[in-house]
C-alpha atoms as a PDB file:
ATOM      1  CA  MET A   1     -25.334  -2.563  -6.217  1.00  0.00           C
ATOM      2  CA  SER A   2     -21.801  -3.960  -6.015  1.00  0.00           C
ATOM      3  CA  GLN A   3     -18.708  -1.900  -6.473  1.00  0.00           C
ATOM      4  CA  GLN A   4     -15.518  -2.907  -8.225  1.00  0.00           C
ATOM      5  CA  LEU A   5     -11.970  -1.669  -7.595  1.00  0.00           C
ATOM      6  CA  GLN A   6      -9.035  -2.794  -9.720  1.00  0.00           C
ATOM      7  CA  ILE A   7      -5.746  -2.829  -7.804  1.00  0.00           C
ATOM      8  CA  THR A   8      -2.418  -2.902  -9.600  1.00  0.00           C
ATOM      9  CA  TYR A   9       1.000  -3.490  -8.045  1.00  0.00           C
ATOM     10  CA  TYR A  10       4.020  -1.702  -9.578  1.00  0.00           C
ATOM     11  CA  TYR A  11       7.082  -1.919  -7.390  1.00  0.00           C
ATOM     12  CA  HIS A  12       7.998  -1.755  -3.661  1.00  0.00           C
ATOM     13  CA  SER A  13       5.191   0.283  -2.121  1.00  0.00           C
ATOM     14  CA  GLY A  14       3.646   1.541  -5.369  1.00  0.00           C
ATOM     15  CA  PHE A  15       0.051   0.650  -6.192  1.00  0.00           C
ATOM     16  CA  SER A  16      -2.867   2.095  -8.115  1.00  0.00           C
ATOM     17  CA  VAL A  17      -6.579   1.687  -7.491  1.00  0.00           C
ATOM     18  CA  LYS A  18      -8.961   2.049 -10.431  1.00  0.00           C
ATOM     19  CA  TRP A  19     -12.550   3.044  -9.679  1.00  0.00           C
ATOM     20  CA  GLU A  20     -14.767   3.686 -12.687  1.00  0.00           C
ATOM     21  CA  ASP A  21     -12.891   6.513 -14.569  1.00  0.00           C
ATOM     22  CA  VAL A  22     -10.851   7.511 -11.529  1.00  0.00           C
ATOM     23  CA  LEU A  23      -7.296   6.379 -10.797  1.00  0.00           C
ATOM     24  CA  LEU A  24      -5.617   6.576  -7.369  1.00  0.00           C
ATOM     25  CA  ILE A  25      -1.790   6.233  -7.345  1.00  0.00           C
ATOM     26  CA  PHE A  26       0.140   5.575  -4.115  1.00  0.00           C
ATOM     27  CA  ASP A  27       3.891   6.002  -3.490  1.00  0.00           C
ATOM     28  CA  TYR A  28       4.891   5.245  -7.055  1.00  0.00           C
ATOM     29  CA  TRP A  29       8.616   4.428  -7.534  1.00  0.00           C
ATOM     30  CA  LEU A  30      10.483   3.029 -10.477  1.00  0.00           C
ATOM     31  CA  GLY A  31      13.158   1.551  -8.286  1.00  0.00           C
ATOM     32  CA  GLU A  32      16.751   2.528  -7.384  1.00  0.00           C
ATOM     33  CA  LYS A  33      17.938   1.054 -10.671  1.00  0.00           C
ATOM     34  CA  GLU A  34      14.575   1.479 -12.429  1.00  0.00           C
ATOM     35  CA  GLU A  35      13.684  -2.139 -11.857  1.00  0.00           C
ATOM     36  CA  LEU A  36      10.049  -1.518 -12.801  1.00  0.00           C
ATOM     37  CA  PRO A  37       9.815  -2.762 -16.416  1.00  0.00           C
ATOM     38  CA  GLU A  38       9.009  -0.129 -18.979  1.00  0.00           C
ATOM     39  CA  ASP A  39       5.916  -1.943 -20.241  1.00  0.00           C
ATOM     40  CA  LYS A  40       4.506  -2.010 -16.675  1.00  0.00           C
ATOM     41  CA  ARG A  41       4.969   1.680 -15.941  1.00  0.00           C
ATOM     42  CA  ILE A  42       2.321   4.348 -15.708  1.00  0.00           C
ATOM     43  CA  THR A  43       2.495   6.527 -18.773  1.00  0.00           C
ATOM     44  CA  ARG A  44       0.609   9.562 -20.045  1.00  0.00           C
ATOM     45  CA  GLU A  45      -1.252   7.188 -22.334  1.00  0.00           C
ATOM     46  CA  THR A  46      -2.325   5.223 -19.216  1.00  0.00           C
ATOM     47  CA  LEU A  47      -3.611   8.402 -17.534  1.00  0.00           C
ATOM     48  CA  ASN A  48      -5.548   9.529 -20.622  1.00  0.00           C
ATOM     49  CA  HIS A  49      -8.031   6.733 -19.928  1.00  0.00           C
ATOM     50  CA  PHE A  50      -9.112   8.467 -16.700  1.00  0.00           C
ATOM     51  CA  SER A  51     -10.993  11.692 -16.112  1.00  0.00           C
ATOM     52  CA  LYS A  52      -9.511  12.128 -12.644  1.00  0.00           C
ATOM     53  CA  VAL A  53      -6.154  11.033 -11.292  1.00  0.00           C
ATOM     54  CA  TYR A  54      -5.085  11.348  -7.651  1.00  0.00           C
ATOM     55  CA  VAL A  55      -1.382  10.859  -6.803  1.00  0.00           C
ATOM     56  CA  PHE A  56      -0.634  10.224  -3.119  1.00  0.00           C
ATOM     57  CA  VAL A  57       2.811  10.899  -1.636  1.00  0.00           C
ATOM     58  CA  SER A  58       3.119   9.646   1.938  1.00  0.00           C
ATOM     59  CA  HIS A  59       6.590  11.118   2.582  1.00  0.00           C
ATOM     60  CA  GLU A  60       9.872  12.213   1.072  1.00  0.00           C
ATOM     61  CA  HIS A  61      11.908   9.016   1.111  1.00  0.00           C
ATOM     62  CA  PRO A  62      13.101   8.270  -2.437  1.00  0.00           C
ATOM     63  CA  ASP A  63      11.529   4.813  -2.434  1.00  0.00           C
ATOM     64  CA  HIS A  64       8.118   6.459  -1.951  1.00  0.00           C
ATOM     65  CA  LEU A  65       8.529   9.562  -4.074  1.00  0.00           C
ATOM     66  CA  ASP A  66       9.777   9.261  -7.675  1.00  0.00           C
ATOM     67  CA  PRO A  67      10.124  12.579  -9.550  1.00  0.00           C
ATOM     68  CA  VAL A  68       8.579  10.929 -12.582  1.00  0.00           C
ATOM     69  CA  ILE A  69       5.185  11.507 -11.045  1.00  0.00           C
ATOM     70  CA  PHE A  70       5.585  15.256 -11.643  1.00  0.00           C
ATOM     71  CA  THR A  71       5.922  14.639 -15.415  1.00  0.00           C
ATOM     72  CA  TRP A  72       2.193  13.852 -15.355  1.00  0.00           C
ATOM     73  CA  GLN A  73       1.116  17.267 -14.092  1.00  0.00           C
ATOM     74  CA  ASP A  74      -0.254  18.475 -17.415  1.00  0.00           C
ATOM     75  CA  HIS A  75      -3.094  15.867 -17.223  1.00  0.00           C
ATOM     76  CA  PRO A  76      -6.227  18.028 -16.860  1.00  0.00           C
ATOM     77  CA  GLY A  77      -7.756  15.906 -14.142  1.00  0.00           C
ATOM     78  CA  ILE A  78      -4.732  15.275 -11.909  1.00  0.00           C
ATOM     79  CA  ARG A  79      -4.367  16.239  -8.265  1.00  0.00           C
ATOM     80  CA  TYR A  80      -1.471  15.572  -5.913  1.00  0.00           C
ATOM     81  CA  ILE A  81      -1.968  14.732  -2.249  1.00  0.00           C
ATOM     82  CA  TYR A  82       1.145  15.387  -0.102  1.00  0.00           C
ATOM     83  CA  ALA A  83       2.170  14.754   3.489  1.00  0.00           C
ATOM     84  CA  ALA A  84       2.417  18.071   5.345  1.00  0.00           C
ATOM     85  CA  ASP A  85       6.055  17.539   6.330  1.00  0.00           C
ATOM     86  CA  LEU A  86       7.285  17.154   2.738  1.00  0.00           C
ATOM     87  CA  PRO A  87      10.044  19.755   2.192  1.00  0.00           C
ATOM     88  CA  THR A  88       9.028  22.815   0.249  1.00  0.00           C
ATOM     89  CA  ASP A  89       9.891  22.694  -3.441  1.00  0.00           C
ATOM     90  CA  PRO A  90       8.802  25.602  -5.656  1.00  0.00           C
ATOM     91  CA  ASP A  91       9.025  23.356  -8.745  1.00  0.00           C
ATOM     92  CA  ARG A  92       6.567  20.826  -7.298  1.00  0.00           C
ATOM     93  CA  PRO A  93       2.965  20.971  -8.559  1.00  0.00           C
ATOM     94  CA  GLU A  94       0.487  22.365  -6.081  1.00  0.00           C
ATOM     95  CA  GLY A  95      -1.626  19.820  -4.205  1.00  0.00           C
ATOM     96  CA  VAL A  96      -3.654  18.971  -1.172  1.00  0.00           C
ATOM     97  CA  ILE A  97      -1.479  19.083   1.983  1.00  0.00           C
ATOM     98  CA  LEU A  98      -2.416  16.734   4.840  1.00  0.00           C
ATOM     99  CA  ALA A  99      -1.118  16.347   8.344  1.00  0.00           C
ATOM    100  CA  PRO A 100      -2.198  13.529  10.689  1.00  0.00           C
ATOM    101  CA  GLY A 101      -5.862  14.028  11.507  1.00  0.00           C
ATOM    102  CA  ASP A 102      -6.605  16.149   8.421  1.00  0.00           C
ATOM    103  CA  LYS A 103      -9.450  15.140   6.044  1.00  0.00           C
ATOM    104  CA  ALA A 104     -10.224  16.290   2.547  1.00  0.00           C
ATOM    105  CA  ASP A 105     -13.049  15.738   0.119  1.00  0.00           C
ATOM    106  CA  LEU A 106     -11.379  15.103  -3.231  1.00  0.00           C
ATOM    107  CA  SER A 107     -14.533  14.637  -5.323  1.00  0.00           C
ATOM    108  CA  ASP A 108     -17.978  13.116  -5.155  1.00  0.00           C
ATOM    109  CA  GLY A 109     -17.580   9.740  -3.467  1.00  0.00           C
ATOM    110  CA  LEU A 110     -13.919  10.178  -2.671  1.00  0.00           C
ATOM    111  CA  THR A 111     -12.560  11.311   0.717  1.00  0.00           C
ATOM    112  CA  VAL A 112      -9.042  11.005   2.194  1.00  0.00           C
ATOM    113  CA  THR A 113      -8.000  11.070   5.865  1.00  0.00           C
ATOM    114  CA  ALA A 114      -4.405  11.276   6.925  1.00  0.00           C
ATOM    115  CA  PHE A 115      -3.166   9.273   9.933  1.00  0.00           C
ATOM    116  CA  ASP A 116       0.163   9.289  11.683  1.00  0.00           C
ATOM    117  CA  SER A 117       3.327   7.385  10.764  1.00  0.00           C
ATOM    118  CA  THR A 118       6.167   6.009  12.827  1.00  0.00           C
ATOM    119  CA  ASP A 119       8.600   7.461  10.230  1.00  0.00           C
ATOM    120  CA  LEU A 120       8.285  10.518   8.098  1.00  0.00           C
ATOM    121  CA  GLY A 121       4.996  11.715   6.677  1.00  0.00           C
ATOM    122  CA  VAL A 122       1.570  10.170   7.002  1.00  0.00           C
ATOM    123  CA  SER A 123      -0.550   7.157   6.113  1.00  0.00           C
ATOM    124  CA  PHE A 124      -3.659   7.532   4.012  1.00  0.00           C
ATOM    125  CA  LEU A 125      -7.175   6.165   4.374  1.00  0.00           C
ATOM    126  CA  VAL A 126      -9.230   6.807   1.234  1.00  0.00           C
ATOM    127  CA  ASP A 127     -12.994   6.290   1.209  1.00  0.00           C
ATOM    128  CA  VAL A 128     -13.867   5.231  -2.344  1.00  0.00           C
ATOM    129  CA  ALA A 129     -17.628   5.456  -2.491  1.00  0.00           C
ATOM    130  CA  GLY A 130     -17.906   3.455   0.740  1.00  0.00           C
ATOM    131  CA  THR A 131     -14.939   1.099   0.259  1.00  0.00           C
ATOM    132  CA  ASN A 132     -12.050   2.084   2.535  1.00  0.00           C
ATOM    133  CA  VAL A 133      -8.488   1.730   1.159  1.00  0.00           C
ATOM    134  CA  PHE A 134      -5.528   2.237   3.517  1.00  0.00           C
ATOM    135  CA  HIS A 135      -1.913   2.849   2.438  1.00  0.00           C
ATOM    136  CA  ALA A 136       0.484   2.777   5.358  1.00  0.00           C
ATOM    137  CA  GLY A 137       3.396   4.635   3.784  1.00  0.00           C
ATOM    138  CA  ASP A 138       6.187   3.943   6.248  1.00  0.00           C
ATOM    139  CA  LEU A 139       3.924   3.294   9.246  1.00  0.00           C
ATOM    140  CA  ASN A 140       5.407   0.200  10.859  1.00  0.00           C
ATOM    141  CA  PHE A 141       6.939  -1.191  14.064  1.00  0.00           C
ATOM    142  CA  TRP A 142      10.448  -0.222  13.070  1.00  0.00           C
ATOM    143  CA  HIS A 143      13.115  -1.942  15.191  1.00  0.00           C
ATOM    144  CA  TRP A 144      16.214  -4.042  14.710  1.00  0.00           C
ATOM    145  CA  ARG A 145      17.048  -6.597  17.410  1.00  0.00           C
ATOM    146  CA  GLU A 146      20.808  -6.584  16.724  1.00  0.00           C
ATOM    147  CA  GLU A 147      20.993  -2.756  16.913  1.00  0.00           C
ATOM    148  CA  SER A 148      18.147  -1.477  19.078  1.00  0.00           C
ATOM    149  CA  THR A 149      18.301  -1.480  22.853  1.00  0.00           C
ATOM    150  CA  ALA A 150      15.409  -2.832  24.889  1.00  0.00           C
ATOM    151  CA  ALA A 151      14.370   0.724  25.757  1.00  0.00           C
ATOM    152  CA  GLU A 152      14.409   1.718  22.074  1.00  0.00           C
ATOM    153  CA  ILE A 153      12.297  -1.277  21.150  1.00  0.00           C
ATOM    154  CA  GLU A 154       9.815  -0.523  23.898  1.00  0.00           C
ATOM    155  CA  LEU A 155       9.560   3.074  22.712  1.00  0.00           C
ATOM    156  CA  ALA A 156       9.115   1.990  19.067  1.00  0.00           C
ATOM    157  CA  ASP A 157       6.402  -0.417  20.120  1.00  0.00           C
ATOM    158  CA  ARG A 158       4.567   2.260  22.105  1.00  0.00           C
ATOM    159  CA  ASP A 159       4.765   4.795  19.282  1.00  0.00           C
ATOM    160  CA  PHE A 160       3.481   2.199  16.794  1.00  0.00           C
ATOM    161  CA  ARG A 161       0.554   1.150  18.943  1.00  0.00           C
ATOM    162  CA  ASN A 162      -0.339   4.815  19.511  1.00  0.00           C
ATOM    163  CA  ALA A 163      -0.266   5.483  15.745  1.00  0.00           C
ATOM    164  CA  VAL A 164      -2.416   2.399  14.963  1.00  0.00           C
ATOM    165  CA  GLU A 165      -5.034   3.074  17.710  1.00  0.00           C
ATOM    166  CA  PRO A 166      -7.110   5.747  15.839  1.00  0.00           C
ATOM    167  CA  ILE A 167      -6.989   3.617  12.675  1.00  0.00           C
ATOM    168  CA  SER A 168      -8.461   0.702  14.613  1.00  0.00           C
ATOM    169  CA  HIS A 169     -11.739   2.646  14.871  1.00  0.00           C
ATOM    170  CA  GLU A 170     -12.096   2.753  11.111  1.00  0.00           C
ATOM    171  CA  ASN A 171     -13.628   0.105   8.895  1.00  0.00           C
ATOM    172  CA  VAL A 172     -10.697  -0.815   6.579  1.00  0.00           C
ATOM    173  CA  ASP A 173     -11.507  -2.993   3.564  1.00  0.00           C
ATOM    174  CA  VAL A 174      -8.104  -3.035   1.783  1.00  0.00           C
ATOM    175  CA  ALA A 175      -4.770  -2.292   3.467  1.00  0.00           C
ATOM    176  CA  PHE A 176      -1.310  -1.985   1.967  1.00  0.00           C
ATOM    177  CA  PHE A 177       1.197  -2.576   4.784  1.00  0.00           C
ATOM    178  CA  PRO A 178       5.034  -2.999   5.037  1.00  0.00           C
ATOM    179  CA  THR A 179       6.645  -6.382   5.574  1.00  0.00           C
ATOM    180  CA  ASP A 180      10.314  -5.425   5.457  1.00  0.00           C
ATOM    181  CA  PRO A 181      12.783  -8.426   5.585  1.00  0.00           C
ATOM    182  CA  ARG A 182      15.627  -6.192   6.718  1.00  0.00           C
ATOM    183  CA  GLN A 183      14.155  -6.395  10.195  1.00  0.00           C
ATOM    184  CA  GLY A 184      14.977 -10.064  10.606  1.00  0.00           C
ATOM    185  CA  MET A 185      12.836 -12.519  12.493  1.00  0.00           C
ATOM    186  CA  LEU A 186      10.387  -9.897  13.668  1.00  0.00           C
ATOM    187  CA  PHE A 187       9.882  -8.414  10.231  1.00  0.00           C
ATOM    188  CA  ASP A 188       6.123  -9.146  10.435  1.00  0.00           C
ATOM    189  CA  ALA A 189       5.537  -7.856  13.991  1.00  0.00           C
ATOM    190  CA  GLY A 190       4.054  -4.596  12.747  1.00  0.00           C
ATOM    191  CA  ALA A 191       1.898  -6.198  10.056  1.00  0.00           C
ATOM    192  CA  ASN A 192       0.537  -8.829  12.480  1.00  0.00           C
ATOM    193  CA  TYR A 193      -0.324  -6.221  15.123  1.00  0.00           C
ATOM    194  CA  PHE A 194      -2.018  -4.025  12.493  1.00  0.00           C
ATOM    195  CA  MET A 195      -4.009  -7.018  11.185  1.00  0.00           C
ATOM    196  CA  LEU A 196      -5.250  -7.949  14.674  1.00  0.00           C
ATOM    197  CA  ALA A 197      -5.995  -4.371  15.757  1.00  0.00           C
ATOM    198  CA  VAL A 198      -7.526  -2.951  12.540  1.00  0.00           C
ATOM    199  CA  LYS A 199      -8.929  -6.197  10.998  1.00  0.00           C
ATOM    200  CA  PRO A 200      -8.818  -5.231   7.331  1.00  0.00           C
ATOM    201  CA  LYS A 201     -10.761  -7.582   5.045  1.00  0.00           C
ATOM    202  CA  LEU A 202      -7.798  -7.787   2.644  1.00  0.00           C
ATOM    203  CA  MET A 203      -4.128  -7.019   3.430  1.00  0.00           C
ATOM    204  CA  ILE A 204      -1.505  -6.655   0.692  1.00  0.00           C
ATOM    205  CA  PRO A 205       2.110  -6.705   1.841  1.00  0.00           C
ATOM    206  CA  MET A 206       4.519  -4.122   0.470  1.00  0.00           C
ATOM    207  CA  HIS A 207       7.979  -2.686   1.071  1.00  0.00           C
ATOM    208  CA  PHE A 208       9.507  -6.194   0.804  1.00  0.00           C
ATOM    209  CA  TRP A 209      12.550  -5.290  -1.340  1.00  0.00           C
ATOM    210  CA  MET A 210      11.852  -7.898  -4.049  1.00  0.00           C
ATOM    211  CA  ARG A 211      11.851 -10.803  -1.548  1.00  0.00           C
ATOM    212  CA  GLU A 212       8.776 -12.439  -3.014  1.00  0.00           C
ATOM    213  CA  ASP A 213       9.468 -15.679  -1.146  1.00  0.00           C
ATOM    214  CA  ILE A 214       9.104 -13.936   2.182  1.00  0.00           C
ATOM    215  CA  VAL A 215       5.701 -12.299   1.543  1.00  0.00           C
ATOM    216  CA  ARG A 216       4.351 -15.436  -0.016  1.00  0.00           C
ATOM    217  CA  GLU A 217       5.278 -17.458   3.049  1.00  0.00           C
ATOM    218  CA  TYR A 218       3.974 -14.673   5.314  1.00  0.00           C
ATOM    219  CA  ALA A 219       0.583 -14.828   3.530  1.00  0.00           C
ATOM    220  CA  ARG A 220       0.462 -18.581   3.779  1.00  0.00           C
ATOM    221  CA  ALA A 221       1.286 -18.628   7.465  1.00  0.00           C
ATOM    222  CA  ASN A 222      -0.751 -15.667   8.702  1.00  0.00           C
ATOM    223  CA  ARG A 223      -4.020 -15.392   6.741  1.00  0.00           C
ATOM    224  CA  CYS A 224      -6.951 -15.776   9.075  1.00  0.00           C
ATOM    225  CA  ARG A 225     -10.762 -15.788   9.163  1.00  0.00           C
ATOM    226  CA  GLN A 226     -10.975 -12.014   9.529  1.00  0.00           C
ATOM    227  CA  THR A 227      -8.205 -10.974   7.117  1.00  0.00           C
ATOM    228  CA  GLU A 228      -7.137 -12.419   3.785  1.00  0.00           C
ATOM    229  CA  ILE A 229      -3.456 -11.730   2.946  1.00  0.00           C
ATOM    230  CA  LEU A 230      -2.629 -11.522  -0.716  1.00  0.00           C
ATOM    231  CA  PRO A 231       0.996 -11.163  -1.891  1.00  0.00           C
ATOM    232  CA  MET A 232       1.194  -9.145  -5.110  1.00  0.00           C
ATOM    233  CA  THR A 233       4.773  -9.548  -6.248  1.00  0.00           C
ATOM    234  CA  ALA A 234       4.974  -9.213 -10.027  1.00  0.00           C
ATOM    235  CA  PRO A 235       5.140  -5.677 -11.503  1.00  0.00           C
ATOM    236  CA  GLY A 236       1.884  -5.064 -13.335  1.00  0.00           C
ATOM    237  CA  GLU A 237      -0.001  -7.766 -11.417  1.00  0.00           C
ATOM    238  CA  ASN A 238      -3.518  -6.745 -10.567  1.00  0.00           C
ATOM    239  CA  ILE A 239      -6.651  -7.958  -8.894  1.00  0.00           C
ATOM    240  CA  LEU A 240     -10.288  -7.054  -8.967  1.00  0.00           C
ATOM    241  CA  VAL A 241     -12.002  -6.392  -5.609  1.00  0.00           C
ATOM    242  CA  GLU A 242     -15.761  -6.520  -5.579  1.00  0.00           C
ATOM    243  CA  MET A 243     -17.807  -5.233  -2.649  1.00  0.00           C
ATOM    244  CA  ASP A 244     -21.515  -6.072  -2.428  1.00  0.00           C
ATOM    245  CA  ASP A 245     -24.186  -4.023  -0.661  1.00  0.00           C
ATOM    246  CA  GLU A 246     -23.813  -6.013   2.569  1.00  0.00           C
ATOM    247  CA  GLY A 247     -20.059  -5.358   2.784  1.00  0.00           C
ATOM    248  CA  PHE A 248     -18.911  -8.797   1.582  1.00  0.00           C
ATOM    249  CA  MET A 249     -15.739  -8.859  -0.475  1.00  0.00           C
ATOM    250  CA  THR A 250     -14.819 -11.079  -3.386  1.00  0.00           C
ATOM    251  CA  VAL A 251     -11.351 -10.971  -4.986  1.00  0.00           C
ATOM    252  CA  HIS A 252     -10.701 -12.012  -8.601  1.00  0.00           C
ATOM    253  CA  LEU A 253      -7.568 -12.432 -10.564  1.00  0.00           C
ATOM    254  CA  ALA A 254      -6.862 -10.287 -13.563  1.00  0.00           C
ATOM    255  CA  ALA A 255      -3.852 -10.383 -15.959  1.00  0.00           C
ATOM    256  CA  GLU A 256      -3.570  -6.796 -17.121  1.00  0.00           C
ATOM    257  CA  MET A 257      -5.046  -3.469 -16.138  1.00  0.00           C
ATOM    258  CA  ASP A 258      -8.410  -3.372 -17.814  1.00  0.00           C
ATOM    259  CA  LEU A 259      -8.933   0.172 -19.030  1.00  0.00           C
ATOM    260  CA  ALA A 260     -12.535  -0.632 -20.030  1.00  0.00           C
ATOM    261  CA  ALA A 261     -15.161  -2.317 -17.879  1.00  0.00           C
ATOM    262  CA  PRO A 262     -13.421  -4.890 -15.600  1.00  0.00           C
ATOM    263  CA  GLU A 263     -14.521  -8.470 -15.924  1.00  0.00           C
ATOM    264  CA  GLN A 264     -14.543 -11.081 -13.166  1.00  0.00           C
ATOM    265  CA  ASP A 265     -11.949 -13.845 -13.406  1.00  0.00           C
ATOM    266  CA  GLU A 266     -11.205 -16.885 -11.263  1.00  0.00           C
ATOM    267  CA  ARG A 267     -11.150 -16.563  -7.487  1.00  0.00           C
ATOM    268  CA  ILE A 268      -7.853 -16.338  -5.663  1.00  0.00           C
ATOM    269  CA  ASP A 269      -6.894 -19.330  -3.607  1.00  0.00           C
ATOM    270  CA  LEU A 270      -3.828 -18.686  -1.376  1.00  0.00           C
ATOM    271  CA  GLY A 271      -3.924 -22.180   0.053  1.00  0.00           C
ATOM    272  CA  GLY A 272      -1.291 -23.395  -2.426  1.00  0.00           C
ATOM    273  CA  TYR A 273       1.472 -21.013  -1.410  1.00  0.00           C
ATOM    274  CA  GLU A 274       4.373 -22.983  -0.041  1.00  0.00           C
ATOM    275  CA  GLY A 275       7.971 -22.081   0.622  1.00  0.00           C
ATOM    276  CA  HIS A 276      10.943 -22.316   2.926  1.00  0.00           C
ATOM    277  CA  ASP A 277      10.816 -20.114   6.005  1.00  0.00           C
ATOM    278  CA  PRO A 278      13.728 -17.711   5.530  1.00  0.00           C
ATOM    279  CA  PHE A 279      13.903 -17.069   9.296  1.00  0.00           C
ATOM    280  CA  ILE A 280      13.855 -20.669  10.538  1.00  0.00           C
ATOM    281  CA  GLU A 281      17.591 -20.837  11.267  1.00  0.00           C
ATOM    282  CA  THR A 282      18.291 -17.264  12.423  1.00  0.00           C
ATOM    283  CA  ASP A 283      16.727 -14.142  13.717  1.00  0.00           C
ATOM    284  CA  MET A 284      19.302 -11.907  12.035  1.00  0.00           C
ATOM    285  CA  PRO A 285      18.320  -9.774   9.020  1.00  0.00           C
ATOM    286  CA  VAL A 286      17.959 -11.548   5.697  1.00  0.00           C
ATOM    287  CA  ASP A 287      20.853 -10.994   3.352  1.00  0.00           C
ATOM    288  CA  MET A 288      19.345  -8.827   0.640  1.00  0.00           C
ATOM    289  CA  GLY A 289      21.979 -10.096  -1.801  1.00  0.00           C
ATOM    290  CA  GLU A 290      20.694 -13.635  -1.682  1.00  0.00           C
END
């Protein structure tokens, strides 16, 4: 029997995964200037369609933790899952606290394991009835060529590889992973290493600071036989992921979050993505004001 997950992109590193009447929400953020359009936001009305809601907070950075998520706490089926190093806040709703290596059974068919990060907090691997969904949080090969010394880059590389190594032993079906253009020419070094080491069936770039052109070109240039790369760049955009009994994945387009039974739409074809390489003339960081 096949299983269907509906994935919705909101903004920056914020995604939700709908499975039957369960909703998983990862690192939800409205944006520094609330760039996420009001009609694409998660509301109490949205949550009322689900019997269980799990809100994952990978770390304390403002672009991964929006206080608006705590206005949802009166939903009867909500649970929060926090990184263990999140600062104590008596006003924060109670939740499941996870450090790297910790594992928790959230409900029947739903298990989460925390892995390390190369920044604050953790990354999450959620087993959704046999389909494994990975959200990296701020796990990445963080370095800047114009600022970092060779020794600092070597250390960052070693730390990143050490963090990814235990994840490489897992069967990852869907991965959300940073592709941050502020890093310049090597912005995709972390994502490419992760893709080769972990081999997720589907990788969805995130943390791209509204540079849709960059992630579209990244997907066009780097998709491979083992991993499909799908750029989700429009707030509210969603896809339907279907896994069959033999582990084969099919991805379908969908226009809006379907709060009833999801239907299959046309298949995604990334072959048509074209665009100018923003790094072809320089290896310096992209001007975010462009």
